[in-house]
Amino acid sequence: MLRGVRFFGCGCFGAIRNPLGHLPNDEIELDEQTALEQLAALSLFARWVDQADLEETTSTR
């Protein structure tokens, strides 16, 4: 689960956030259906992160 969520989060960042974050506002064309699908993906990722248990480790450095 951890590995899947990690890769899903990286995918969301690379495919959703990065392209939109690096384009000028006048070049962004996002139809309603695509925006809803992207929001659903990010919402799912946020839910998984919110439900995760934090495990702290001690560093040996």
PDB file of N, CA and C in Angstrom:
ATOM      1  N   MET A   1       0.826  -1.191   0.000  1.00  0.00           N
ATOM      2  CA  MET A   1       0.000   0.000   0.000  1.00  0.00           C
ATOM      3  C   MET A   1       0.871   1.255   0.000  1.00  0.00           C
ATOM      4  N   LEU A   2       1.894   1.264   0.847  1.00  0.00           N
ATOM      5  CA  LEU A   2       2.777   2.427   0.929  1.00  0.00           C
ATOM      6  C   LEU A   2       3.420   2.719  -0.422  1.00  0.00           C
ATOM      7  N   ARG A   3       3.928   1.683  -1.044  1.00  0.00           N
ATOM      8  CA  ARG A   3       4.587   1.853  -2.341  1.00  0.00           C
ATOM      9  C   ARG A   3       3.600   2.369  -3.394  1.00  0.00           C
ATOM     10  N   GLY A   4       2.408   1.823  -3.412  1.00  0.00           N
ATOM     11  CA  GLY A   4       1.401   2.258  -4.370  1.00  0.00           C
ATOM     12  C   GLY A   4       0.988   3.700  -4.175  1.00  0.00           C
ATOM     13  N   VAL A   5       0.774   4.099  -2.920  1.00  0.00           N
ATOM     14  CA  VAL A   5       0.387   5.474  -2.629  1.00  0.00           C
ATOM     15  C   VAL A   5       1.525   6.423  -2.998  1.00  0.00           C
ATOM     16  N   ARG A   6       2.741   6.025  -2.704  1.00  0.00           N
ATOM     17  CA  ARG A   6       3.901   6.860  -3.045  1.00  0.00           C
ATOM     18  C   ARG A   6       3.979   7.082  -4.551  1.00  0.00           C
ATOM     19  N   PHE A   7       3.852   6.011  -5.324  1.00  0.00           N
ATOM     20  CA  PHE A   7       3.915   6.145  -6.781  1.00  0.00           C
ATOM     21  C   PHE A   7       2.713   6.925  -7.318  1.00  0.00           C
ATOM     22  N   PHE A   8       1.541   6.713  -6.734  1.00  0.00           N
ATOM     23  CA  PHE A   8       0.348   7.443  -7.154  1.00  0.00           C
ATOM     24  C   PHE A   8       0.534   8.940  -6.907  1.00  0.00           C
ATOM     25  N   GLY A   9       1.079   9.286  -5.742  1.00  0.00           N
ATOM     26  CA  GLY A   9       1.334  10.689  -5.423  1.00  0.00           C
ATOM     27  C   GLY A   9       2.333  11.316  -6.378  1.00  0.00           C
ATOM     28  N   CYS A  10       3.398  10.586  -6.679  1.00  0.00           N
ATOM     29  CA  CYS A  10       4.379  11.089  -7.649  1.00  0.00           C
ATOM     30  C   CYS A  10       3.732  11.278  -9.011  1.00  0.00           C
ATOM     31  N   GLY A  11       2.872  10.349  -9.391  1.00  0.00           N
ATOM     32  CA  GLY A  11       2.174  10.452 -10.670  1.00  0.00           C
ATOM     33  C   GLY A  11       1.239  11.645 -10.710  1.00  0.00           C
ATOM     34  N   CYS A  12       0.509  11.874  -9.624  1.00  0.00           N
ATOM     35  CA  CYS A  12      -0.386  13.034  -9.561  1.00  0.00           C
ATOM     36  C   CYS A  12       0.414  14.332  -9.667  1.00  0.00           C
ATOM     37  N   PHE A  13       1.523  14.390  -8.974  1.00  0.00           N
ATOM     38  CA  PHE A  13       2.350  15.594  -9.006  1.00  0.00           C
ATOM     39  C   PHE A  13       2.892  15.822 -10.408  1.00  0.00           C
ATOM     40  N   GLY A  14       3.414  14.757 -11.024  1.00  0.00           N
ATOM     41  CA  GLY A  14       4.023  14.905 -12.336  1.00  0.00           C
ATOM     42  C   GLY A  14       3.036  15.130 -13.460  1.00  0.00           C
ATOM     43  N   ALA A  15       1.867  14.526 -13.378  1.00  0.00           N
ATOM     44  CA  ALA A  15       0.920  14.592 -14.488  1.00  0.00           C
ATOM     45  C   ALA A  15      -0.164  15.648 -14.308  1.00  0.00           C
ATOM     46  N   ILE A  16      -0.456  16.038 -13.072  1.00  0.00           N
ATOM     47  CA  ILE A  16      -1.532  17.004 -12.843  1.00  0.00           C
ATOM     48  C   ILE A  16      -0.962  18.358 -12.419  1.00  0.00           C
ATOM     49  N   ARG A  17      -0.230  18.377 -11.353  1.00  0.00           N
ATOM     50  CA  ARG A  17       0.240  19.643 -10.797  1.00  0.00           C
ATOM     51  C   ARG A  17       1.327  20.286 -11.647  1.00  0.00           C
ATOM     52  N   ASN A  18       2.347  19.544 -12.032  1.00  0.00           N
ATOM     53  CA  ASN A  18       3.483  20.124 -12.740  1.00  0.00           C
ATOM     54  C   ASN A  18       3.113  20.795 -14.055  1.00  0.00           C
ATOM     55  N   PRO A  19       2.411  20.130 -14.967  1.00  0.00           N
ATOM     56  CA  PRO A  19       2.083  20.799 -16.237  1.00  0.00           C
ATOM     57  C   PRO A  19       1.282  22.087 -16.038  1.00  0.00           C
ATOM     58  N   LEU A  20       0.300  22.051 -15.151  1.00  0.00           N
ATOM     59  CA  LEU A  20      -0.521  23.236 -14.920  1.00  0.00           C
ATOM     60  C   LEU A  20       0.252  24.329 -14.190  1.00  0.00           C
ATOM     61  N   GLY A  21       1.162  23.933 -13.337  1.00  0.00           N
ATOM     62  CA  GLY A  21       1.936  24.906 -12.572  1.00  0.00           C
ATOM     63  C   GLY A  21       2.982  25.634 -13.380  1.00  0.00           C
ATOM     64  N   HIS A  22       3.318  25.103 -14.548  1.00  0.00           N
ATOM     65  CA  HIS A  22       4.379  25.708 -15.348  1.00  0.00           C
ATOM     66  C   HIS A  22       3.877  26.369 -16.620  1.00  0.00           C
ATOM     67  N   LEU A  23       2.575  26.464 -16.775  1.00  0.00           N
ATOM     68  CA  LEU A  23       2.008  27.131 -17.948  1.00  0.00           C
ATOM     69  C   LEU A  23       1.429  28.483 -17.540  1.00  0.00           C
ATOM     70  N   PRO A  24       1.521  29.473 -18.429  1.00  0.00           N
ATOM     71  CA  PRO A  24       0.819  30.736 -18.152  1.00  0.00           C
ATOM     72  C   PRO A  24      -0.688  30.482 -18.103  1.00  0.00           C
ATOM     73  N   ASN A  25      -1.392  31.242 -17.296  1.00  0.00           N
ATOM     74  CA  ASN A  25      -2.838  31.037 -17.126  1.00  0.00           C
ATOM     75  C   ASN A  25      -3.607  31.056 -18.431  1.00  0.00           C
ATOM     76  N   ASP A  26      -3.180  31.882 -19.394  1.00  0.00           N
ATOM     77  CA  ASP A  26      -3.918  31.967 -20.651  1.00  0.00           C
ATOM     78  C   ASP A  26      -3.679  30.762 -21.555  1.00  0.00           C
ATOM     79  N   GLU A  27      -2.745  29.889 -21.199  1.00  0.00           N
ATOM     80  CA  GLU A  27      -2.484  28.685 -21.989  1.00  0.00           C
ATOM     81  C   GLU A  27      -3.116  27.428 -21.395  1.00  0.00           C
ATOM     82  N   ILE A  28      -3.768  27.558 -20.260  1.00  0.00           N
ATOM     83  CA  ILE A  28      -4.374  26.410 -19.596  1.00  0.00           C
ATOM     84  C   ILE A  28      -5.806  26.235 -20.090  1.00  0.00           C
ATOM     85  N   GLU A  29      -6.047  25.111 -20.757  1.00  0.00           N
ATOM     86  CA  GLU A  29      -7.399  24.777 -21.188  1.00  0.00           C
ATOM     87  C   GLU A  29      -7.790  23.481 -20.479  1.00  0.00           C
ATOM     88  N   LEU A  30      -8.683  23.602 -19.537  1.00  0.00           N
ATOM     89  CA  LEU A  30      -9.069  22.462 -18.725  1.00  0.00           C
ATOM     90  C   LEU A  30     -10.595  22.376 -18.713  1.00  0.00           C
ATOM     91  N   ASP A  31     -11.116  21.368 -19.411  1.00  0.00           N
ATOM     92  CA  ASP A  31     -12.569  21.231 -19.427  1.00  0.00           C
ATOM     93  C   ASP A  31     -13.052  20.698 -18.078  1.00  0.00           C
ATOM     94  N   GLU A  32     -14.337  20.865 -17.828  1.00  0.00           N
ATOM     95  CA  GLU A  32     -14.910  20.519 -16.523  1.00  0.00           C
ATOM     96  C   GLU A  32     -14.709  19.043 -16.174  1.00  0.00           C
ATOM     97  N   GLN A  33     -14.904  18.144 -17.125  1.00  0.00           N
ATOM     98  CA  GLN A  33     -14.767  16.712 -16.852  1.00  0.00           C
ATOM     99  C   GLN A  33     -13.338  16.363 -16.435  1.00  0.00           C
ATOM    100  N   THR A  34     -12.360  16.898 -17.150  1.00  0.00           N
ATOM    101  CA  THR A  34     -10.954  16.639 -16.819  1.00  0.00           C
ATOM    102  C   THR A  34     -10.617  17.204 -15.450  1.00  0.00           C
ATOM    103  N   ALA A  35     -11.095  18.402 -15.166  1.00  0.00           N
ATOM    104  CA  ALA A  35     -10.833  19.014 -13.866  1.00  0.00           C
ATOM    105  C   ALA A  35     -11.424  18.175 -12.739  1.00  0.00           C
ATOM    106  N   LEU A  36     -12.630  17.663 -12.915  1.00  0.00           N
ATOM    107  CA  LEU A  36     -13.257  16.823 -11.890  1.00  0.00           C
ATOM    108  C   LEU A  36     -12.496  15.519 -11.687  1.00  0.00           C
ATOM    109  N   GLU A  37     -12.031  14.921 -12.786  1.00  0.00           N
ATOM    110  CA  GLU A  37     -11.264  13.681 -12.674  1.00  0.00           C
ATOM    111  C   GLU A  37      -9.942  13.914 -11.955  1.00  0.00           C
ATOM    112  N   GLN A  38      -9.285  15.022 -12.258  1.00  0.00           N
ATOM    113  CA  GLN A  38      -8.027  15.333 -11.583  1.00  0.00           C
ATOM    114  C   GLN A  38      -8.266  15.620 -10.110  1.00  0.00           C
ATOM    115  N   LEU A  39      -9.326  16.333  -9.804  1.00  0.00           N
ATOM    116  CA  LEU A  39      -9.675  16.607  -8.415  1.00  0.00           C
ATOM    117  C   LEU A  39      -9.973  15.316  -7.654  1.00  0.00           C
ATOM    118  N   ALA A  40     -10.651  14.377  -8.300  1.00  0.00           N
ATOM    119  CA  ALA A  40     -10.954  13.096  -7.664  1.00  0.00           C
ATOM    120  C   ALA A  40      -9.663  12.330  -7.362  1.00  0.00           C
ATOM    121  N   ALA A  41      -8.720  12.342  -8.294  1.00  0.00           N
ATOM    122  CA  ALA A  41      -7.448  11.652  -8.076  1.00  0.00           C
ATOM    123  C   ALA A  41      -6.692  12.265  -6.901  1.00  0.00           C
ATOM    124  N   LEU A  42      -6.629  13.593  -6.865  1.00  0.00           N
ATOM    125  CA  LEU A  42      -5.934  14.268  -5.768  1.00  0.00           C
ATOM    126  C   LEU A  42      -6.653  14.067  -4.442  1.00  0.00           C
ATOM    127  N   SER A  43      -7.975  14.015  -4.480  1.00  0.00           N
ATOM    128  CA  SER A  43      -8.762  13.781  -3.271  1.00  0.00           C
ATOM    129  C   SER A  43      -8.493  12.386  -2.708  1.00  0.00           C
ATOM    130  N   LEU A  44      -8.423  11.403  -3.582  1.00  0.00           N
ATOM    131  CA  LEU A  44      -8.120  10.039  -3.150  1.00  0.00           C
ATOM    132  C   LEU A  44      -6.731   9.978  -2.513  1.00  0.00           C
ATOM    133  N   PHE A  45      -5.759  10.605  -3.153  1.00  0.00           N
ATOM    134  CA  PHE A  45      -4.400  10.635  -2.602  1.00  0.00           C
ATOM    135  C   PHE A  45      -4.398  11.306  -1.225  1.00  0.00           C
ATOM    136  N   ALA A  46      -5.097  12.432  -1.099  1.00  0.00           N
ATOM    137  CA  ALA A  46      -5.156  13.142   0.182  1.00  0.00           C
ATOM    138  C   ALA A  46      -5.810  12.283   1.263  1.00  0.00           C
ATOM    139  N   ARG A  47      -6.838  11.521   0.897  1.00  0.00           N
ATOM    140  CA  ARG A  47      -7.505  10.643   1.865  1.00  0.00           C
ATOM    141  C   ARG A  47      -6.537   9.580   2.378  1.00  0.00           C
ATOM    142  N   TRP A  48      -5.792   8.977   1.451  1.00  0.00           N
ATOM    143  CA  TRP A  48      -4.827   7.951   1.867  1.00  0.00           C
ATOM    144  C   TRP A  48      -3.758   8.528   2.789  1.00  0.00           C
ATOM    145  N   VAL A  49      -3.279   9.712   2.475  1.00  0.00           N
ATOM    146  CA  VAL A  49      -2.267  10.350   3.324  1.00  0.00           C
ATOM    147  C   VAL A  49      -2.865  10.661   4.688  1.00  0.00           C
ATOM    148  N   ASP A  50      -4.074  11.173   4.714  1.00  0.00           N
ATOM    149  CA  ASP A  50      -4.738  11.518   5.965  1.00  0.00           C
ATOM    150  C   ASP A  50      -4.955  10.292   6.853  1.00  0.00           C
ATOM    151  N   GLN A  51      -5.217   9.139   6.251  1.00  0.00           N
ATOM    152  CA  GLN A  51      -5.487   7.918   7.005  1.00  0.00           C
ATOM    153  C   GLN A  51      -4.216   7.167   7.404  1.00  0.00           C
ATOM    154  N   ALA A  52      -3.084   7.620   6.917  1.00  0.00           N
ATOM    155  CA  ALA A  52      -1.829   6.914   7.190  1.00  0.00           C
ATOM    156  C   ALA A  52      -1.396   7.111   8.640  1.00  0.00           C
ATOM    157  N   ASP A  53      -0.696   6.128   9.143  1.00  0.00           N
ATOM    158  CA  ASP A  53      -0.107   6.226  10.471  1.00  0.00           C
ATOM    159  C   ASP A  53       1.345   6.672  10.325  1.00  0.00           C
ATOM    160  N   LEU A  54       1.738   7.658  11.110  1.00  0.00           N
ATOM    161  CA  LEU A  54       3.092   8.176  11.076  1.00  0.00           C
ATOM    162  C   LEU A  54       4.004   7.264  11.875  1.00  0.00           C
ATOM    163  N   GLU A  55       5.066   6.832  11.241  1.00  0.00           N
ATOM    164  CA  GLU A  55       6.060   6.024  11.929  1.00  0.00           C
ATOM    165  C   GLU A  55       7.356   6.808  11.957  1.00  0.00           C
ATOM    166  N   GLU A  56       7.843   7.080  13.155  1.00  0.00           N
ATOM    167  CA  GLU A  56       9.077   7.830  13.289  1.00  0.00           C
ATOM    168  C   GLU A  56      10.243   6.867  13.448  1.00  0.00           C
ATOM    169  N   THR A  57      11.345   7.225  12.833  1.00  0.00           N
ATOM    170  CA  THR A  57      12.567   6.440  12.957  1.00  0.00           C
ATOM    171  C   THR A  57      13.661   7.336  13.512  1.00  0.00           C
ATOM    172  N   THR A  58      14.664   6.706  14.085  1.00  0.00           N
ATOM    173  CA  THR A  58      15.791   7.475  14.582  1.00  0.00           C
ATOM    174  C   THR A  58      16.906   7.407  13.555  1.00  0.00           C
ATOM    175  N   SER A  59      17.516   8.524  13.314  1.00  0.00           N
ATOM    176  CA  SER A  59      18.596   8.584  12.339  1.00  0.00           C
ATOM    177  C   SER A  59      19.917   8.254  13.022  1.00  0.00           C
ATOM    178  N   THR A  60      20.770   7.538  12.327  1.00  0.00           N
ATOM    179  CA  THR A  60      22.073   7.191  12.891  1.00  0.00           C
ATOM    180  C   THR A  60      23.150   8.152  12.401  1.00  0.00           C
ATOM    181  N   ARG A  61      22.750   9.205  11.716  1.00  0.00           N
ATOM    182  CA  ARG A  61      23.736  10.171  11.208  1.00  0.00           C
ATOM    183  C   ARG A  61      24.084  11.193  12.235  1.00  0.00           C
TER     184      ARG A  61
END
